[in-house]
Amino acid sequence: MKLKNIILTVSFIGLMLFHKTVFAQDSNYNLIKKELTKKQIDLLQKEREVMKANREAFKASLTKEQLTILRDKSISKTEIRKQLLATFSRDQKSMVQNQQVRLRKTRENFRKTLTGEQRKMLKQRIDKIRNSKDRGELNDGPRVNNANGGKKKRNRRN
């Protein structure tokens, strides 16, 4: 369970600190946004603003040592995350964990508001993206799918 929390924490921190936008393909988001109700759009917008505020609060809590680790270009991002995680205070860890919980609840609440027609439309668009020809092309050639249906096997050591 600790490993899972650490992985989630590190990924969340990566999103917060490296300025990755939640909606990387804004044009696709705008297409989907047209199909949502006003209430659903307001829910997403409110949660986006809360996430931004939480991100700013987290950034403000970073120490000089942590900022130095973030700016070090000589080590990999994975190593940066490991070193950064080791320096977190209890407050910083709780901020990250609270944000993860809030994000999960937001997803659940949003899913509850979707109608059957909206679910079908979203599923079709996701499937279309997954089946597009140029998806997953890398420098070394096409992506190779996992043997077990594309799902990663989790190591559940405690």
N, C-alpha and C. Protein backbone atom coordinates (compact mmCIF):
# COMPACT_ATOMS: atom_id res chain seq x y z
N MET A 1 0.83 -1.18 0.00
CA MET A 1 0.00 0.00 0.00
C MET A 1 0.87 1.25 0.00
N LYS A 2 1.98 1.21 0.70
CA LYS A 2 2.86 2.37 0.75
C LYS A 2 3.44 2.66 -0.63
N LEU A 3 3.81 1.62 -1.36
CA LEU A 3 4.38 1.80 -2.69
C LEU A 3 3.36 2.47 -3.60
N LYS A 4 2.12 2.05 -3.50
CA LYS A 4 1.07 2.65 -4.32
C LYS A 4 0.92 4.13 -3.98
N ASN A 5 0.91 4.46 -2.70
CA ASN A 5 0.79 5.86 -2.29
C ASN A 5 1.98 6.68 -2.76
N ILE A 6 3.15 6.10 -2.70
CA ILE A 6 4.35 6.81 -3.14
C ILE A 6 4.29 7.08 -4.63
N ILE A 7 3.87 6.08 -5.40
CA ILE A 7 3.77 6.24 -6.85
C ILE A 7 2.74 7.31 -7.19
N LEU A 8 1.58 7.27 -6.53
CA LEU A 8 0.56 8.28 -6.77
C LEU A 8 1.06 9.67 -6.37
N THR A 9 1.75 9.74 -5.27
CA THR A 9 2.28 11.02 -4.81
C THR A 9 3.28 11.59 -5.80
N VAL A 10 4.19 10.75 -6.24
CA VAL A 10 5.21 11.20 -7.17
C VAL A 10 4.59 11.65 -8.49
N SER A 11 3.60 10.92 -8.98
CA SER A 11 2.98 11.30 -10.24
C SER A 11 2.21 12.62 -10.08
N PHE A 12 1.57 12.79 -8.94
CA PHE A 12 0.85 14.04 -8.71
C PHE A 12 1.82 15.22 -8.62
N ILE A 13 2.90 14.99 -7.93
CA ILE A 13 3.91 16.04 -7.80
C ILE A 13 4.47 16.39 -9.17
N GLY A 14 4.70 15.38 -9.97
CA GLY A 14 5.19 15.62 -11.32
C GLY A 14 4.23 16.50 -12.10
N LEU A 15 2.95 16.24 -11.98
CA LEU A 15 1.96 17.08 -12.65
C LEU A 15 2.00 18.50 -12.13
N MET A 16 2.09 18.63 -10.81
CA MET A 16 2.06 19.95 -10.22
C MET A 16 3.32 20.75 -10.53
N LEU A 17 4.46 20.14 -10.42
CA LEU A 17 5.70 20.88 -10.49
C LEU A 17 6.24 21.08 -11.89
N PHE A 18 5.89 20.24 -12.79
CA PHE A 18 6.42 20.36 -14.13
C PHE A 18 5.41 20.95 -15.10
N HIS A 19 4.38 21.59 -14.57
CA HIS A 19 3.42 22.38 -15.33
C HIS A 19 2.78 21.60 -16.47
N LYS A 20 2.45 20.38 -16.25
CA LYS A 20 1.73 19.62 -17.26
C LYS A 20 0.26 20.02 -17.15
N THR A 21 -0.33 20.35 -18.26
CA THR A 21 -1.74 20.72 -18.22
C THR A 21 -2.59 19.47 -18.12
N VAL A 22 -3.71 19.61 -17.46
CA VAL A 22 -4.62 18.48 -17.30
C VAL A 22 -5.21 18.11 -18.65
N PHE A 23 -5.45 19.11 -19.47
CA PHE A 23 -6.07 18.89 -20.76
C PHE A 23 -5.05 19.20 -21.84
N ALA A 24 -4.21 18.24 -22.15
CA ALA A 24 -3.12 18.45 -23.08
C ALA A 24 -3.62 18.72 -24.49
N GLN A 25 -4.70 18.06 -24.88
CA GLN A 25 -5.25 18.28 -26.22
C GLN A 25 -6.50 19.12 -26.07
N ASP A 26 -6.29 20.41 -26.00
CA ASP A 26 -7.36 21.35 -25.71
C ASP A 26 -8.47 21.28 -26.75
N SER A 27 -8.13 21.07 -28.01
CA SER A 27 -9.16 21.03 -29.05
C SER A 27 -10.11 19.85 -28.82
N ASN A 28 -9.58 18.69 -28.44
CA ASN A 28 -10.44 17.55 -28.14
C ASN A 28 -11.31 17.83 -26.93
N TYR A 29 -10.75 18.52 -25.94
CA TYR A 29 -11.52 18.87 -24.75
C TYR A 29 -12.68 19.79 -25.12
N ASN A 30 -12.44 20.76 -26.00
CA ASN A 30 -13.50 21.68 -26.41
C ASN A 30 -14.60 20.94 -27.17
N LEU A 31 -14.23 19.93 -27.96
CA LEU A 31 -15.25 19.14 -28.65
C LEU A 31 -16.13 18.40 -27.66
N ILE A 32 -15.51 17.81 -26.66
CA ILE A 32 -16.26 17.07 -25.64
C ILE A 32 -17.08 18.04 -24.80
N LYS A 33 -16.52 19.21 -24.53
CA LYS A 33 -17.18 20.20 -23.68
C LYS A 33 -18.52 20.63 -24.26
N LYS A 34 -18.65 20.62 -25.60
CA LYS A 34 -19.90 21.00 -26.25
C LYS A 34 -21.03 20.04 -25.89
N GLU A 35 -20.68 18.81 -25.57
CA GLU A 35 -21.68 17.79 -25.28
C GLU A 35 -22.09 17.76 -23.81
N LEU A 36 -21.43 18.54 -22.96
CA LEU A 36 -21.70 18.52 -21.53
C LEU A 36 -22.75 19.55 -21.15
N THR A 37 -23.43 19.29 -20.04
CA THR A 37 -24.41 20.23 -19.54
C THR A 37 -23.69 21.38 -18.83
N LYS A 38 -24.42 22.44 -18.57
CA LYS A 38 -23.87 23.60 -17.87
C LYS A 38 -23.38 23.20 -16.47
N LYS A 39 -24.12 22.34 -15.82
CA LYS A 39 -23.75 21.89 -14.48
C LYS A 39 -22.43 21.12 -14.52
N GLN A 40 -22.27 20.25 -15.51
CA GLN A 40 -21.03 19.47 -15.65
C GLN A 40 -19.84 20.37 -15.95
N ILE A 41 -20.04 21.35 -16.83
CA ILE A 41 -18.96 22.28 -17.17
C ILE A 41 -18.56 23.09 -15.94
N ASP A 42 -19.56 23.54 -15.17
CA ASP A 42 -19.27 24.29 -13.95
C ASP A 42 -18.49 23.45 -12.95
N LEU A 43 -18.87 22.18 -12.82
CA LEU A 43 -18.16 21.27 -11.91
C LEU A 43 -16.70 21.14 -12.32
N LEU A 44 -16.46 20.92 -13.60
CA LEU A 44 -15.08 20.78 -14.09
C LEU A 44 -14.29 22.06 -13.91
N GLN A 45 -14.91 23.19 -14.20
CA GLN A 45 -14.22 24.47 -14.08
C GLN A 45 -13.88 24.77 -12.62
N LYS A 46 -14.82 24.51 -11.73
CA LYS A 46 -14.58 24.73 -10.30
C LYS A 46 -13.42 23.87 -9.80
N GLU A 47 -13.42 22.62 -10.19
CA GLU A 47 -12.36 21.71 -9.75
C GLU A 47 -11.02 22.10 -10.34
N ARG A 48 -11.02 22.58 -11.56
CA ARG A 48 -9.78 23.05 -12.18
C ARG A 48 -9.19 24.22 -11.40
N GLU A 49 -10.06 25.15 -10.99
CA GLU A 49 -9.60 26.30 -10.21
C GLU A 49 -9.07 25.88 -8.85
N VAL A 50 -9.73 24.92 -8.22
CA VAL A 50 -9.27 24.42 -6.92
C VAL A 50 -7.91 23.75 -7.09
N MET A 51 -7.75 22.98 -8.16
CA MET A 51 -6.46 22.32 -8.41
C MET A 51 -5.35 23.35 -8.61
N LYS A 52 -5.65 24.42 -9.33
CA LYS A 52 -4.65 25.47 -9.54
C LYS A 52 -4.28 26.12 -8.21
N ALA A 53 -5.27 26.40 -7.38
CA ALA A 53 -5.01 27.02 -6.08
C ALA A 53 -4.16 26.08 -5.21
N ASN A 54 -4.49 24.80 -5.22
CA ASN A 54 -3.72 23.82 -4.44
C ASN A 54 -2.29 23.72 -4.96
N ARG A 55 -2.13 23.77 -6.27
CA ARG A 55 -0.80 23.71 -6.87
C ARG A 55 0.04 24.91 -6.44
N GLU A 56 -0.57 26.09 -6.44
CA GLU A 56 0.14 27.30 -6.02
C GLU A 56 0.51 27.24 -4.55
N ALA A 57 -0.40 26.73 -3.72
CA ALA A 57 -0.10 26.60 -2.29
C ALA A 57 1.05 25.62 -2.08
N PHE A 58 1.06 24.55 -2.84
CA PHE A 58 2.14 23.56 -2.72
C PHE A 58 3.47 24.18 -3.15
N LYS A 59 3.45 24.90 -4.26
CA LYS A 59 4.68 25.55 -4.74
C LYS A 59 5.21 26.53 -3.70
N ALA A 60 4.31 27.24 -3.05
CA ALA A 60 4.72 28.21 -2.04
C ALA A 60 5.34 27.52 -0.82
N SER A 61 5.00 26.27 -0.60
CA SER A 61 5.52 25.55 0.57
C SER A 61 6.90 24.94 0.33
N LEU A 62 7.39 24.99 -0.90
CA LEU A 62 8.69 24.39 -1.21
C LEU A 62 9.83 25.17 -0.58
N THR A 63 10.78 24.46 -0.03
CA THR A 63 11.96 25.08 0.58
C THR A 63 13.01 25.36 -0.49
N LYS A 64 14.04 26.10 -0.11
CA LYS A 64 15.12 26.39 -1.05
C LYS A 64 15.81 25.11 -1.50
N GLU A 65 15.98 24.18 -0.55
CA GLU A 65 16.60 22.89 -0.87
C GLU A 65 15.79 22.13 -1.92
N GLN A 66 14.46 22.13 -1.75
CA GLN A 66 13.59 21.43 -2.69
C GLN A 66 13.60 22.10 -4.06
N LEU A 67 13.63 23.42 -4.08
CA LEU A 67 13.70 24.14 -5.35
C LEU A 67 15.02 23.86 -6.06
N THR A 68 16.09 23.73 -5.30
CA THR A 68 17.39 23.40 -5.87
C THR A 68 17.33 22.03 -6.53
N ILE A 69 16.70 21.08 -5.87
CA ILE A 69 16.56 19.73 -6.44
C ILE A 69 15.77 19.80 -7.75
N LEU A 70 14.70 20.58 -7.76
CA LEU A 70 13.87 20.70 -8.97
C LEU A 70 14.62 21.32 -10.13
N ARG A 71 15.51 22.24 -9.86
CA ARG A 71 16.23 22.94 -10.92
C ARG A 71 17.47 22.21 -11.40
N ASP A 72 17.82 21.11 -10.74
CA ASP A 72 19.03 20.37 -11.11
C ASP A 72 18.78 19.61 -12.41
N LYS A 73 19.44 20.05 -13.48
CA LYS A 73 19.26 19.44 -14.80
C LYS A 73 20.20 18.26 -15.04
N SER A 74 21.08 17.98 -14.11
CA SER A 74 22.06 16.92 -14.32
C SER A 74 21.54 15.54 -13.95
N ILE A 75 20.39 15.46 -13.31
CA ILE A 75 19.83 14.16 -12.92
C ILE A 75 18.49 13.96 -13.61
N SER A 76 18.07 12.70 -13.68
CA SER A 76 16.83 12.36 -14.38
C SER A 76 15.61 12.81 -13.57
N LYS A 77 14.47 12.87 -14.26
CA LYS A 77 13.23 13.27 -13.59
C LYS A 77 12.85 12.27 -12.50
N THR A 78 13.11 11.01 -12.76
CA THR A 78 12.81 9.98 -11.76
C THR A 78 13.63 10.21 -10.50
N GLU A 79 14.90 10.50 -10.68
CA GLU A 79 15.77 10.76 -9.54
C GLU A 79 15.36 12.05 -8.82
N ILE A 80 14.95 13.05 -9.57
CA ILE A 80 14.47 14.30 -8.97
C ILE A 80 13.27 13.99 -8.07
N ARG A 81 12.34 13.20 -8.58
CA ARG A 81 11.14 12.86 -7.80
C ARG A 81 11.49 12.11 -6.53
N LYS A 82 12.42 11.17 -6.63
CA LYS A 82 12.84 10.41 -5.45
C LYS A 82 13.46 11.32 -4.40
N GLN A 83 14.37 12.19 -4.84
CA GLN A 83 15.03 13.09 -3.91
C GLN A 83 14.03 14.08 -3.31
N LEU A 84 13.13 14.56 -4.12
CA LEU A 84 12.14 15.52 -3.65
C LEU A 84 11.21 14.88 -2.63
N LEU A 85 10.77 13.68 -2.92
CA LEU A 85 9.87 12.98 -2.01
C LEU A 85 10.52 12.75 -0.65
N ALA A 86 11.81 12.50 -0.66
CA ALA A 86 12.53 12.26 0.59
C ALA A 86 12.61 13.52 1.46
N THR A 87 12.45 14.70 0.84
CA THR A 87 12.57 15.94 1.60
C THR A 87 11.23 16.53 2.01
N PHE A 88 10.12 15.90 1.66
CA PHE A 88 8.81 16.46 1.98
C PHE A 88 8.54 16.47 3.46
N SER A 89 7.90 17.54 3.91
CA SER A 89 7.44 17.62 5.29
C SER A 89 6.09 16.90 5.39
N ARG A 90 5.60 16.74 6.60
CA ARG A 90 4.29 16.11 6.78
C ARG A 90 3.19 16.92 6.10
N ASP A 91 3.29 18.24 6.22
CA ASP A 91 2.28 19.10 5.60
C ASP A 91 2.26 18.94 4.08
N GLN A 92 3.44 18.88 3.49
CA GLN A 92 3.52 18.72 2.04
C GLN A 92 2.96 17.37 1.62
N LYS A 93 3.28 16.33 2.37
CA LYS A 93 2.74 15.01 2.05
C LYS A 93 1.22 15.00 2.16
N SER A 94 0.71 15.64 3.19
CA SER A 94 -0.75 15.66 3.36
C SER A 94 -1.42 16.49 2.27
N MET A 95 -0.75 17.56 1.82
CA MET A 95 -1.31 18.36 0.72
C MET A 95 -1.44 17.52 -0.54
N VAL A 96 -0.41 16.75 -0.83
CA VAL A 96 -0.43 15.89 -2.02
C VAL A 96 -1.51 14.82 -1.88
N GLN A 97 -1.56 14.20 -0.72
CA GLN A 97 -2.55 13.13 -0.51
C GLN A 97 -3.97 13.68 -0.58
N ASN A 98 -4.21 14.84 0.02
CA ASN A 98 -5.54 15.44 -0.03
C ASN A 98 -5.96 15.77 -1.46
N GLN A 99 -5.00 16.23 -2.25
CA GLN A 99 -5.30 16.54 -3.65
C GLN A 99 -5.66 15.27 -4.42
N GLN A 100 -4.97 14.19 -4.14
CA GLN A 100 -5.27 12.92 -4.81
C GLN A 100 -6.67 12.45 -4.46
N VAL A 101 -7.04 12.54 -3.19
CA VAL A 101 -8.37 12.13 -2.74
C VAL A 101 -9.43 13.01 -3.41
N ARG A 102 -9.17 14.30 -3.43
CA ARG A 102 -10.12 15.23 -4.05
C ARG A 102 -10.31 14.92 -5.54
N LEU A 103 -9.22 14.62 -6.22
CA LEU A 103 -9.29 14.29 -7.64
C LEU A 103 -10.12 13.04 -7.88
N ARG A 104 -9.92 12.02 -7.04
CA ARG A 104 -10.72 10.79 -7.17
C ARG A 104 -12.20 11.06 -6.96
N LYS A 105 -12.52 11.87 -5.94
CA LYS A 105 -13.92 12.19 -5.65
C LYS A 105 -14.54 12.99 -6.79
N THR A 106 -13.77 13.90 -7.37
CA THR A 106 -14.27 14.69 -8.49
C THR A 106 -14.58 13.79 -9.67
N ARG A 107 -13.70 12.85 -9.95
CA ARG A 107 -13.95 11.92 -11.05
C ARG A 107 -15.22 11.12 -10.80
N GLU A 108 -15.39 10.63 -9.57
CA GLU A 108 -16.59 9.86 -9.24
C GLU A 108 -17.84 10.72 -9.41
N ASN A 109 -17.79 11.95 -8.89
CA ASN A 109 -18.95 12.84 -9.00
C ASN A 109 -19.27 13.15 -10.46
N PHE A 110 -18.23 13.38 -11.26
CA PHE A 110 -18.46 13.67 -12.68
C PHE A 110 -19.08 12.47 -13.38
N ARG A 111 -18.56 11.29 -13.09
CA ARG A 111 -19.10 10.08 -13.72
C ARG A 111 -20.58 9.88 -13.37
N LYS A 112 -20.95 10.24 -12.14
CA LYS A 112 -22.35 10.10 -11.72
C LYS A 112 -23.28 11.03 -12.49
N THR A 113 -22.75 12.18 -12.96
CA THR A 113 -23.60 13.14 -13.67
C THR A 113 -23.77 12.80 -15.14
N LEU A 114 -22.96 11.89 -15.67
CA LEU A 114 -23.04 11.56 -17.10
C LEU A 114 -24.30 10.76 -17.41
N THR A 115 -24.93 11.12 -18.51
CA THR A 115 -26.07 10.35 -18.99
C THR A 115 -25.55 9.18 -19.82
N GLY A 116 -26.41 8.25 -20.13
CA GLY A 116 -26.03 7.11 -20.96
C GLY A 116 -25.52 7.54 -22.33
N GLU A 117 -26.16 8.56 -22.87
CA GLU A 117 -25.76 9.06 -24.19
C GLU A 117 -24.36 9.71 -24.13
N GLN A 118 -24.11 10.46 -23.06
CA GLN A 118 -22.79 11.08 -22.89
C GLN A 118 -21.70 10.03 -22.70
N ARG A 119 -22.02 9.01 -21.93
CA ARG A 119 -21.05 7.92 -21.72
C ARG A 119 -20.70 7.26 -23.05
N LYS A 120 -21.72 7.01 -23.85
CA LYS A 120 -21.52 6.37 -25.15
C LYS A 120 -20.66 7.25 -26.06
N MET A 121 -20.95 8.57 -26.07
CA MET A 121 -20.20 9.50 -26.90
C MET A 121 -18.74 9.56 -26.45
N LEU A 122 -18.51 9.64 -25.15
CA LEU A 122 -17.14 9.70 -24.63
C LEU A 122 -16.39 8.41 -24.94
N LYS A 123 -17.08 7.28 -24.80
CA LYS A 123 -16.44 6.00 -25.09
C LYS A 123 -16.06 5.91 -26.56
N GLN A 124 -16.93 6.37 -27.45
CA GLN A 124 -16.63 6.36 -28.88
C GLN A 124 -15.41 7.23 -29.19
N ARG A 125 -15.33 8.40 -28.59
CA ARG A 125 -14.19 9.29 -28.85
C ARG A 125 -12.90 8.71 -28.30
N ILE A 126 -12.97 8.10 -27.14
CA ILE A 126 -11.77 7.48 -26.56
C ILE A 126 -11.32 6.32 -27.44
N ASP A 127 -12.28 5.49 -27.88
CA ASP A 127 -11.93 4.37 -28.76
C ASP A 127 -11.33 4.86 -30.07
N LYS A 128 -11.87 5.94 -30.61
CA LYS A 128 -11.34 6.50 -31.85
C LYS A 128 -9.89 6.96 -31.66
N ILE A 129 -9.61 7.58 -30.54
CA ILE A 129 -8.24 8.03 -30.25
C ILE A 129 -7.33 6.82 -30.10
N ARG A 130 -7.79 5.81 -29.39
CA ARG A 130 -6.97 4.61 -29.17
C ARG A 130 -6.67 3.86 -30.46
N ASN A 131 -7.60 3.90 -31.40
CA ASN A 131 -7.44 3.14 -32.64
C ASN A 131 -6.82 3.94 -33.77
N SER A 132 -6.48 5.20 -33.53
CA SER A 132 -5.90 6.01 -34.61
C SER A 132 -4.54 5.44 -35.00
N LYS A 133 -4.18 5.61 -36.28
CA LYS A 133 -2.96 5.00 -36.82
C LYS A 133 -1.69 5.55 -36.20
N ASP A 134 -1.62 6.85 -35.98
CA ASP A 134 -0.37 7.44 -35.51
C ASP A 134 -0.22 7.45 -34.00
N ARG A 135 -1.16 6.91 -33.27
CA ARG A 135 -1.07 6.90 -31.82
C ARG A 135 0.02 5.93 -31.37
N GLY A 136 0.87 6.40 -30.52
CA GLY A 136 1.87 5.53 -29.91
C GLY A 136 3.11 5.33 -30.73
N GLU A 137 3.27 6.05 -31.82
CA GLU A 137 4.48 5.90 -32.62
C GLU A 137 5.65 6.52 -31.88
N LEU A 138 6.72 5.79 -31.79
CA LEU A 138 7.92 6.24 -31.11
C LEU A 138 9.08 6.29 -32.10
N ASN A 139 10.19 6.80 -31.68
CA ASN A 139 11.36 6.88 -32.55
C ASN A 139 11.81 5.50 -33.03
N ASP A 140 11.66 4.49 -32.21
CA ASP A 140 12.13 3.16 -32.54
C ASP A 140 11.08 2.33 -33.27
N GLY A 141 9.94 2.89 -33.58
CA GLY A 141 8.89 2.15 -34.26
C GLY A 141 7.61 2.14 -33.45
N PRO A 142 6.63 1.37 -33.89
CA PRO A 142 5.35 1.37 -33.20
C PRO A 142 5.45 0.78 -31.79
N ARG A 143 4.52 1.20 -30.98
CA ARG A 143 4.45 0.73 -29.60
C ARG A 143 4.07 -0.74 -29.57
N VAL A 144 4.66 -1.49 -28.67
CA VAL A 144 4.34 -2.90 -28.50
C VAL A 144 3.41 -3.03 -27.29
N ASN A 145 2.26 -3.66 -27.50
CA ASN A 145 1.31 -3.82 -26.41
C ASN A 145 1.78 -4.89 -25.44
N ASN A 146 1.32 -4.76 -24.21
CA ASN A 146 1.64 -5.76 -23.20
C ASN A 146 0.97 -7.09 -23.54
N ALA A 147 1.54 -8.16 -23.09
CA ALA A 147 1.03 -9.49 -23.40
C ALA A 147 -0.32 -9.75 -22.73
N ASN A 148 -0.58 -9.11 -21.61
CA ASN A 148 -1.80 -9.40 -20.85
C ASN A 148 -2.91 -8.38 -21.15
N GLY A 149 -3.13 -8.07 -22.40
CA GLY A 149 -4.24 -7.22 -22.80
C GLY A 149 -4.01 -5.75 -22.53
N GLY A 150 -2.78 -5.31 -22.40
CA GLY A 150 -2.48 -3.91 -22.20
C GLY A 150 -2.48 -3.46 -20.76
N LYS A 151 -2.76 -4.38 -19.84
CA LYS A 151 -2.80 -4.00 -18.43
C LYS A 151 -1.46 -4.30 -17.78
N LYS A 152 -1.04 -3.38 -16.94
CA LYS A 152 0.21 -3.57 -16.23
C LYS A 152 -0.02 -4.42 -14.99
N LYS A 153 0.94 -5.26 -14.69
CA LYS A 153 0.84 -6.09 -13.50
C LYS A 153 1.41 -5.29 -12.33
N ARG A 154 0.64 -5.21 -11.28
CA ARG A 154 1.08 -4.46 -10.11
C ARG A 154 1.79 -5.36 -9.13
N ASN A 155 2.87 -4.86 -8.61
CA ASN A 155 3.61 -5.57 -7.58
C ASN A 155 3.07 -5.11 -6.24
N ARG A 156 2.41 -5.96 -5.53
CA ARG A 156 1.72 -5.57 -4.30
C ARG A 156 2.50 -5.96 -3.05
N ARG A 157 3.74 -5.55 -2.99
CA ARG A 157 4.52 -5.78 -1.79
C ARG A 157 4.28 -4.67 -0.80
N ASN A 158 4.28 -5.01 0.48
CA ASN A 158 4.11 -4.00 1.53
C ASN A 158 5.39 -3.76 2.25
